[in-house]
Amino acid sequence: MREFHPEALFLAMVAFVAMMLLLGVRWAEPRWLPYTALCGAVWLWFSAELAARGWLGQWDARPPHFFALMLPTGLATVALAASPFGARLAERSVWPALLGCQVFRLGVEIVLATLAERVVAPAQMTWHGGNFDVLTGLSAPLVAWLAARGRIGRGAILVWNLAGLALLANVVTIAILSTPTPLRVFTYEPANTFVAHWPWVWLPAFLVPAALFGHLLAFRKLRR
C-alpha cells in the first residue's frame, strides 16, 4: 500500500480553492481576473517566503511574528468581502458554487488528522479533539445540491452558513490557544508551530481566509 502524503492533498486543496476563486472572478468580472491572479500568486509567494526564512516561527517576538501577519490577513479578508469586489462576486455567484466550494475543508481536516497522528499538529486541532469543522466540508456538497434544485430556502442557507462560520471560528480559536505564546491554553505537545512552515503556512494564510471569505460572500448574497 502506498504511503499517504498529506502534503499532496493539502496542495491540491490550495489549488482547488485558487481555481474556484479565479473562476468566480472570471464569471463576475473578467477584467479583474489578471489582477486577482497576480495578487494571489504574490501573496502565496510572500507568505511562503516568510515561512522559509523562519520569520514566522519567531514565537518569542512581541508580538509573535505569526500573529503580526495573520491578524492583518483576517482584517483584509473582511475588508475585501465588504468591498465592491466582494459585492460583485456575491451578486454574480450562484449558490451551488458559493456553498459547495467549502468542501475543501474536508480535505483540510483529513490532512490535520494525519499530521496529528504523526505528532506534527496538535490533536485538539483535529476531529479527535475539539475541531468539528469536518462537518462543514461533509455537508457542503449536499447543501449545494439542495440549493441548486431549490429544495432549501434562504433561512436554511443562513443557518448552515452561520454554523460553518462558528465551526471555523472554533478551530481558529483552538489553533491560537495552542501556539507557544502567552495565550497558550493547551499545554500538551506538540504546540501549534507547524503552521509557520511551508506548505502548512498556507492554511492560516490562504485556506482559512478563503473559508471566511466564502461565508462573508454568502451573507452578502443573502442580504441582496
C-alpha atoms as a PDB file:
ATOM      1  CA  MET A   1       0.000   0.000   0.000  1.00  0.00           C
ATOM      2  CA  ARG A   2       1.300   3.436  -0.925  1.00  0.00           C
ATOM      3  CA  GLU A   3       2.094   5.819   1.902  1.00  0.00           C
ATOM      4  CA  PHE A   4      -0.346   8.696   2.219  1.00  0.00           C
ATOM      5  CA  HIS A   5       1.312  12.058   1.664  1.00  0.00           C
ATOM      6  CA  PRO A   6      -0.728  14.808   3.364  1.00  0.00           C
ATOM      7  CA  GLU A   7       1.345  17.450   1.587  1.00  0.00           C
ATOM      8  CA  ALA A   8      -0.071  16.355  -1.778  1.00  0.00           C
ATOM      9  CA  LEU A   9      -3.673  16.548  -0.566  1.00  0.00           C
ATOM     10  CA  PHE A  10      -3.022  19.880   1.099  1.00  0.00           C
ATOM     11  CA  LEU A  11      -1.532  21.413  -2.037  1.00  0.00           C
ATOM     12  CA  ALA A  12      -4.455  20.016  -4.032  1.00  0.00           C
ATOM     13  CA  MET A  13      -6.828  21.873  -1.680  1.00  0.00           C
ATOM     14  CA  VAL A  14      -4.849  25.086  -2.176  1.00  0.00           C
ATOM     15  CA  ALA A  15      -5.037  24.635  -5.964  1.00  0.00           C
ATOM     16  CA  PHE A  16      -8.768  23.861  -5.783  1.00  0.00           C
ATOM     17  CA  VAL A  17      -9.549  26.989  -3.784  1.00  0.00           C
ATOM     18  CA  ALA A  18      -7.412  29.166  -6.053  1.00  0.00           C
ATOM     19  CA  MET A  19      -9.138  27.733  -9.118  1.00  0.00           C
ATOM     20  CA  MET A  20     -12.609  28.324  -7.647  1.00  0.00           C
ATOM     21  CA  LEU A  21     -11.720  31.912  -6.808  1.00  0.00           C
ATOM     22  CA  LEU A  22     -10.393  32.614 -10.293  1.00  0.00           C
ATOM     23  CA  LEU A  23     -13.415  31.002 -11.923  1.00  0.00           C
ATOM     24  CA  GLY A  24     -15.692  33.101  -9.726  1.00  0.00           C
ATOM     25  CA  VAL A  25     -13.874  36.285 -10.663  1.00  0.00           C
ATOM     26  CA  ARG A  26     -13.915  35.336 -14.344  1.00  0.00           C
ATOM     27  CA  TRP A  27     -17.685  34.882 -14.146  1.00  0.00           C
ATOM     28  CA  ALA A  28     -18.335  38.026 -12.099  1.00  0.00           C
ATOM     29  CA  GLU A  29     -15.967  40.481 -13.768  1.00  0.00           C
ATOM     30  CA  PRO A  30     -13.450  39.134 -16.330  1.00  0.00           C
ATOM     31  CA  ARG A  31     -11.375  42.322 -16.349  1.00  0.00           C
ATOM     32  CA  TRP A  32     -10.447  41.671 -12.711  1.00  0.00           C
ATOM     33  CA  LEU A  33      -9.064  38.217 -13.437  1.00  0.00           C
ATOM     34  CA  PRO A  34      -5.402  39.140 -14.225  1.00  0.00           C
ATOM     35  CA  TYR A  35      -5.140  41.343 -11.133  1.00  0.00           C
ATOM     36  CA  THR A  36      -6.692  38.673  -8.914  1.00  0.00           C
ATOM     37  CA  ALA A  37      -4.336  36.011 -10.255  1.00  0.00           C
ATOM     38  CA  LEU A  38      -1.308  38.274  -9.792  1.00  0.00           C
ATOM     39  CA  CYS A  39      -2.250  39.337  -6.257  1.00  0.00           C
ATOM     40  CA  GLY A  40      -2.997  35.743  -5.268  1.00  0.00           C
ATOM     41  CA  ALA A  41       0.318  34.476  -6.630  1.00  0.00           C
ATOM     42  CA  VAL A  42       2.261  37.246  -4.902  1.00  0.00           C
ATOM     43  CA  TRP A  43       0.545  36.557  -1.587  1.00  0.00           C
ATOM     44  CA  LEU A  44       1.229  32.827  -1.754  1.00  0.00           C
ATOM     45  CA  TRP A  45       4.867  33.502  -2.606  1.00  0.00           C
ATOM     46  CA  PHE A  46       5.237  36.153   0.110  1.00  0.00           C
ATOM     47  CA  SER A  47       3.787  34.007   2.911  1.00  0.00           C
ATOM     48  CA  ALA A  48       5.847  31.000   1.792  1.00  0.00           C
ATOM     49  CA  GLU A  49       8.994  33.143   1.720  1.00  0.00           C
ATOM     50  CA  LEU A  50       8.396  34.397   5.274  1.00  0.00           C
ATOM     51  CA  ALA A  51       7.976  30.786   6.388  1.00  0.00           C
ATOM     52  CA  ALA A  52      11.113  29.670   4.551  1.00  0.00           C
ATOM     53  CA  ARG A  53      13.191  32.425   6.168  1.00  0.00           C
ATOM     54  CA  GLY A  54      11.992  31.398   9.636  1.00  0.00           C
ATOM     55  CA  TRP A  55      10.447  34.802  10.304  1.00  0.00           C
ATOM     56  CA  LEU A  56       7.016  33.392  11.091  1.00  0.00           C
ATOM     57  CA  GLY A  57       8.456  30.913  13.570  1.00  0.00           C
ATOM     58  CA  GLN A  58       9.801  33.592  15.931  1.00  0.00           C
ATOM     59  CA  TRP A  59       7.218  32.939  18.641  1.00  0.00           C
ATOM     60  CA  ASP A  60       9.193  34.823  21.328  1.00  0.00           C
ATOM     61  CA  ALA A  61       8.874  38.126  19.477  1.00  0.00           C
ATOM     62  CA  ARG A  62       6.381  40.636  20.828  1.00  0.00           C
ATOM     63  CA  PRO A  63       4.014  40.433  19.153  1.00  0.00           C
ATOM     64  CA  PRO A  64       4.813  37.000  17.704  1.00  0.00           C
ATOM     65  CA  HIS A  65       5.559  37.450  14.023  1.00  0.00           C
ATOM     66  CA  PHE A  66       2.967  34.843  13.106  1.00  0.00           C
ATOM     67  CA  PHE A  67       0.160  36.955  14.559  1.00  0.00           C
ATOM     68  CA  ALA A  68       1.692  40.134  13.147  1.00  0.00           C
ATOM     69  CA  LEU A  69       0.994  38.660   9.719  1.00  0.00           C
ATOM     70  CA  MET A  70      -2.235  36.748  10.318  1.00  0.00           C
ATOM     71  CA  LEU A  71      -4.222  39.481  12.082  1.00  0.00           C
ATOM     72  CA  PRO A  72      -3.906  41.894   9.139  1.00  0.00           C
ATOM     73  CA  THR A  73      -4.708  38.965   6.844  1.00  0.00           C
ATOM     74  CA  GLY A  74      -8.007  38.393   8.611  1.00  0.00           C
ATOM     75  CA  LEU A  75      -8.875  42.086   8.582  1.00  0.00           C
ATOM     76  CA  ALA A  76      -8.007  42.335   4.891  1.00  0.00           C
ATOM     77  CA  THR A  77     -10.271  39.360   4.158  1.00  0.00           C
ATOM     78  CA  VAL A  78     -13.217  41.076   5.854  1.00  0.00           C
ATOM     79  CA  ALA A  79     -12.468  44.339   4.051  1.00  0.00           C
ATOM     80  CA  LEU A  80     -12.254  42.552   0.696  1.00  0.00           C
ATOM     81  CA  ALA A  81     -15.595  40.841   1.257  1.00  0.00           C
ATOM     82  CA  ALA A  82     -17.154  44.212   2.141  1.00  0.00           C
ATOM     83  CA  SER A  83     -15.647  45.942  -0.904  1.00  0.00           C
ATOM     84  CA  PRO A  84     -17.211  46.432  -4.361  1.00  0.00           C
ATOM     85  CA  PHE A  85     -15.120  43.413  -5.410  1.00  0.00           C
ATOM     86  CA  GLY A  86     -16.892  41.286  -2.811  1.00  0.00           C
ATOM     87  CA  ALA A  87     -20.261  42.754  -3.697  1.00  0.00           C
ATOM     88  CA  ARG A  88     -19.799  41.852  -7.359  1.00  0.00           C
ATOM     89  CA  LEU A  89     -18.713  38.316  -6.540  1.00  0.00           C
ATOM     90  CA  ALA A  90     -21.638  37.816  -4.170  1.00  0.00           C
ATOM     91  CA  GLU A  91     -24.097  39.168  -6.729  1.00  0.00           C
ATOM     92  CA  ARG A  92     -22.893  37.073  -9.649  1.00  0.00           C
ATOM     93  CA  SER A  93     -22.028  33.830  -7.818  1.00  0.00           C
ATOM     94  CA  VAL A  94     -24.572  31.012  -7.916  1.00  0.00           C
ATOM     95  CA  TRP A  95     -25.475  29.288  -4.670  1.00  0.00           C
ATOM     96  CA  PRO A  96     -24.197  25.815  -5.620  1.00  0.00           C
ATOM     97  CA  ALA A  97     -20.694  27.140  -6.300  1.00  0.00           C
ATOM     98  CA  LEU A  98     -20.629  29.534  -3.360  1.00  0.00           C
ATOM     99  CA  LEU A  99     -21.717  26.868  -0.888  1.00  0.00           C
ATOM    100  CA  GLY A 100     -20.167  23.811  -2.497  1.00  0.00           C
ATOM    101  CA  CYS A 101     -16.654  25.237  -2.624  1.00  0.00           C
ATOM    102  CA  GLN A 102     -16.444  24.847   1.157  1.00  0.00           C
ATOM    103  CA  VAL A 103     -15.992  21.115   0.555  1.00  0.00           C
ATOM    104  CA  PHE A 104     -12.234  21.756   0.589  1.00  0.00           C
ATOM    105  CA  ARG A 105     -12.460  21.851   4.385  1.00  0.00           C
ATOM    106  CA  LEU A 106     -12.982  18.083   4.368  1.00  0.00           C
ATOM    107  CA  GLY A 107      -9.585  17.639   2.737  1.00  0.00           C
ATOM    108  CA  VAL A 108      -8.011  20.019   5.239  1.00  0.00           C
ATOM    109  CA  GLU A 109      -9.413  18.029   8.164  1.00  0.00           C
ATOM    110  CA  ILE A 110      -8.030  14.786   6.739  1.00  0.00           C
ATOM    111  CA  VAL A 111      -4.624  16.453   6.481  1.00  0.00           C
ATOM    112  CA  LEU A 112      -4.811  17.758  10.059  1.00  0.00           C
ATOM    113  CA  ALA A 113      -5.804  14.346  11.410  1.00  0.00           C
ATOM    114  CA  THR A 114      -2.873  12.736   9.594  1.00  0.00           C
ATOM    115  CA  LEU A 115      -0.432  15.342  10.899  1.00  0.00           C
ATOM    116  CA  ALA A 116      -1.720  14.813  14.436  1.00  0.00           C
ATOM    117  CA  GLU A 117      -1.130  11.069  14.126  1.00  0.00           C
ATOM    118  CA  ARG A 118       2.460  11.880  13.122  1.00  0.00           C
ATOM    119  CA  VAL A 119       2.798  14.252  16.094  1.00  0.00           C
ATOM    120  CA  VAL A 120       3.199  17.280  13.851  1.00  0.00           C
ATOM    121  CA  ALA A 121      -0.106  19.027  14.570  1.00  0.00           C
ATOM    122  CA  PRO A 122      -1.867  19.225  17.956  1.00  0.00           C
ATOM    123  CA  ALA A 123      -4.610  16.631  18.433  1.00  0.00           C
ATOM    124  CA  GLN A 124      -7.047  19.278  19.667  1.00  0.00           C
ATOM    125  CA  MET A 125      -6.970  20.866  16.211  1.00  0.00           C
ATOM    126  CA  THR A 126      -8.476  17.712  14.691  1.00  0.00           C
ATOM    127  CA  TRP A 127     -11.760  15.824  14.945  1.00  0.00           C
ATOM    128  CA  HIS A 128     -10.099  13.792  17.695  1.00  0.00           C
ATOM    129  CA  GLY A 129     -10.136  16.958  19.788  1.00  0.00           C
ATOM    130  CA  GLY A 130     -12.419  19.957  19.700  1.00  0.00           C
ATOM    131  CA  ASN A 131     -12.416  20.693  15.967  1.00  0.00           C
ATOM    132  CA  PHE A 132     -15.614  19.711  14.187  1.00  0.00           C
ATOM    133  CA  ASP A 133     -15.090  21.730  11.025  1.00  0.00           C
ATOM    134  CA  VAL A 134     -15.191  18.474   9.080  1.00  0.00           C
ATOM    135  CA  LEU A 135     -18.986  18.769   9.329  1.00  0.00           C
ATOM    136  CA  THR A 136     -18.870  21.836   7.099  1.00  0.00           C
ATOM    137  CA  GLY A 137     -16.824  20.049   4.470  1.00  0.00           C
ATOM    138  CA  LEU A 138     -19.029  16.962   4.568  1.00  0.00           C
ATOM    139  CA  SER A 139     -22.301  18.882   4.315  1.00  0.00           C
ATOM    140  CA  ALA A 140     -21.196  21.444   1.703  1.00  0.00           C
ATOM    141  CA  PRO A 141     -21.898  19.228  -1.373  1.00  0.00           C
ATOM    142  CA  LEU A 142     -25.339  18.261  -0.035  1.00  0.00           C
ATOM    143  CA  VAL A 143     -26.300  21.844   0.774  1.00  0.00           C
ATOM    144  CA  ALA A 144     -25.055  22.967  -2.648  1.00  0.00           C
ATOM    145  CA  TRP A 145     -27.079  20.207  -4.352  1.00  0.00           C
ATOM    146  CA  LEU A 146     -30.237  21.152  -2.442  1.00  0.00           C
ATOM    147  CA  ALA A 147     -29.734  24.837  -3.228  1.00  0.00           C
ATOM    148  CA  ALA A 148     -29.226  24.075  -6.922  1.00  0.00           C
ATOM    149  CA  ARG A 149     -32.615  22.337  -7.035  1.00  0.00           C
ATOM    150  CA  GLY A 150     -34.408  24.933  -4.969  1.00  0.00           C
ATOM    151  CA  ARG A 151     -35.135  22.484  -2.157  1.00  0.00           C
ATOM    152  CA  ILE A 152     -33.852  24.767   0.576  1.00  0.00           C
ATOM    153  CA  GLY A 153     -34.604  28.424   1.109  1.00  0.00           C
ATOM    154  CA  ARG A 154     -32.717  31.434   2.385  1.00  0.00           C
ATOM    155  CA  GLY A 155     -33.405  30.510   6.007  1.00  0.00           C
ATOM    156  CA  ALA A 156     -31.742  27.111   5.724  1.00  0.00           C
ATOM    157  CA  ILE A 157     -28.786  28.602   3.864  1.00  0.00           C
ATOM    158  CA  LEU A 158     -28.412  31.236   6.579  1.00  0.00           C
ATOM    159  CA  VAL A 159     -28.416  28.608   9.336  1.00  0.00           C
ATOM    160  CA  TRP A 160     -25.841  26.480   7.512  1.00  0.00           C
ATOM    161  CA  ASN A 161     -23.644  29.492   6.833  1.00  0.00           C
ATOM    162  CA  LEU A 162     -23.788  30.595  10.473  1.00  0.00           C
ATOM    163  CA  ALA A 163     -22.924  27.067  11.622  1.00  0.00           C
ATOM    164  CA  GLY A 164     -19.988  26.871   9.210  1.00  0.00           C
ATOM    165  CA  LEU A 165     -18.695  30.241  10.373  1.00  0.00           C
ATOM    166  CA  ALA A 166     -18.998  29.185  14.017  1.00  0.00           C
ATOM    167  CA  LEU A 167     -17.078  25.968  13.343  1.00  0.00           C
ATOM    168  CA  LEU A 168     -14.372  27.959  11.564  1.00  0.00           C
ATOM    169  CA  ALA A 169     -14.112  30.395  14.485  1.00  0.00           C
ATOM    170  CA  ASN A 170     -13.884  27.439  16.858  1.00  0.00           C
ATOM    171  CA  VAL A 171     -10.892  25.807  15.173  1.00  0.00           C
ATOM    172  CA  VAL A 172      -9.125  29.149  14.732  1.00  0.00           C
ATOM    173  CA  THR A 173      -9.542  29.793  18.462  1.00  0.00           C
ATOM    174  CA  ILE A 174      -8.175  26.344  19.298  1.00  0.00           C
ATOM    175  CA  ALA A 175      -5.228  26.947  16.973  1.00  0.00           C
ATOM    176  CA  ILE A 176      -4.404  30.280  18.634  1.00  0.00           C
ATOM    177  CA  LEU A 177      -4.645  28.776  22.124  1.00  0.00           C
ATOM    178  CA  SER A 178      -2.255  26.013  21.039  1.00  0.00           C
ATOM    179  CA  THR A 179       0.585  28.297  19.939  1.00  0.00           C
ATOM    180  CA  PRO A 180       3.720  28.654  22.138  1.00  0.00           C
ATOM    181  CA  THR A 181       2.812  32.172  23.281  1.00  0.00           C
ATOM    182  CA  PRO A 182       1.375  33.669  26.488  1.00  0.00           C
ATOM    183  CA  LEU A 183      -2.050  32.890  25.009  1.00  0.00           C
ATOM    184  CA  ARG A 184      -1.416  29.159  25.149  1.00  0.00           C
ATOM    185  CA  VAL A 185      -4.064  27.118  26.991  1.00  0.00           C
ATOM    186  CA  PHE A 186      -3.442  23.658  25.525  1.00  0.00           C
ATOM    187  CA  THR A 187      -0.065  22.893  27.044  1.00  0.00           C
ATOM    188  CA  TYR A 188       0.474  19.313  25.906  1.00  0.00           C
ATOM    189  CA  GLU A 189       2.769  18.729  22.980  1.00  0.00           C
ATOM    190  CA  PRO A 190       3.115  19.360  20.178  1.00  0.00           C
ATOM    191  CA  ALA A 191       2.395  23.058  20.179  1.00  0.00           C
ATOM    192  CA  ASN A 192       0.863  24.621  17.101  1.00  0.00           C
ATOM    193  CA  THR A 193       4.076  25.608  15.335  1.00  0.00           C
ATOM    194  CA  PHE A 194       3.775  23.637  12.106  1.00  0.00           C
ATOM    195  CA  VAL A 195       1.706  26.447  10.544  1.00  0.00           C
ATOM    196  CA  ALA A 196       4.825  28.630  10.481  1.00  0.00           C
ATOM    197  CA  HIS A 197       6.418  26.288   7.928  1.00  0.00           C
ATOM    198  CA  TRP A 198       5.749  25.671   4.243  1.00  0.00           C
ATOM    199  CA  PRO A 199       3.408  24.395   2.891  1.00  0.00           C
ATOM    200  CA  TRP A 200       1.305  24.487   6.071  1.00  0.00           C
ATOM    201  CA  VAL A 201       1.611  28.261   6.314  1.00  0.00           C
ATOM    202  CA  TRP A 202      -0.961  28.384   3.538  1.00  0.00           C
ATOM    203  CA  LEU A 203      -3.534  27.005   5.973  1.00  0.00           C
ATOM    204  CA  PRO A 204      -3.828  30.224   8.025  1.00  0.00           C
ATOM    205  CA  ALA A 205      -2.570  32.473   5.225  1.00  0.00           C
ATOM    206  CA  PHE A 206      -4.852  31.243   2.431  1.00  0.00           C
ATOM    207  CA  LEU A 207      -7.307  28.441   3.203  1.00  0.00           C
ATOM    208  CA  VAL A 208      -8.754  29.864   6.426  1.00  0.00           C
ATOM    209  CA  PRO A 209      -9.209  33.333   4.860  1.00  0.00           C
ATOM    210  CA  ALA A 210     -10.787  31.638   1.822  1.00  0.00           C
ATOM    211  CA  ALA A 211     -13.313  29.847   4.045  1.00  0.00           C
ATOM    212  CA  LEU A 212     -14.089  33.105   5.849  1.00  0.00           C
ATOM    213  CA  PHE A 213     -14.372  34.974   2.546  1.00  0.00           C
ATOM    214  CA  GLY A 214     -16.856  32.402   1.246  1.00  0.00           C
ATOM    215  CA  HIS A 215     -19.060  32.741   4.320  1.00  0.00           C
ATOM    216  CA  LEU A 216     -18.996  36.537   4.146  1.00  0.00           C
ATOM    217  CA  LEU A 217     -19.936  36.488   0.459  1.00  0.00           C
ATOM    218  CA  ALA A 218     -22.846  34.187   1.291  1.00  0.00           C
ATOM    219  CA  PHE A 219     -24.063  36.677   3.889  1.00  0.00           C
ATOM    220  CA  ARG A 220     -23.851  39.487   1.330  1.00  0.00           C
ATOM    221  CA  LYS A 221     -25.770  37.432  -1.182  1.00  0.00           C
ATOM    222  CA  LEU A 222     -28.459  36.659   1.393  1.00  0.00           C
ATOM    223  CA  ARG A 223     -28.841  40.358   2.156  1.00  0.00           C
ATOM    224  CA  ARG A 224     -29.495  41.065  -1.514  1.00  0.00           C
END
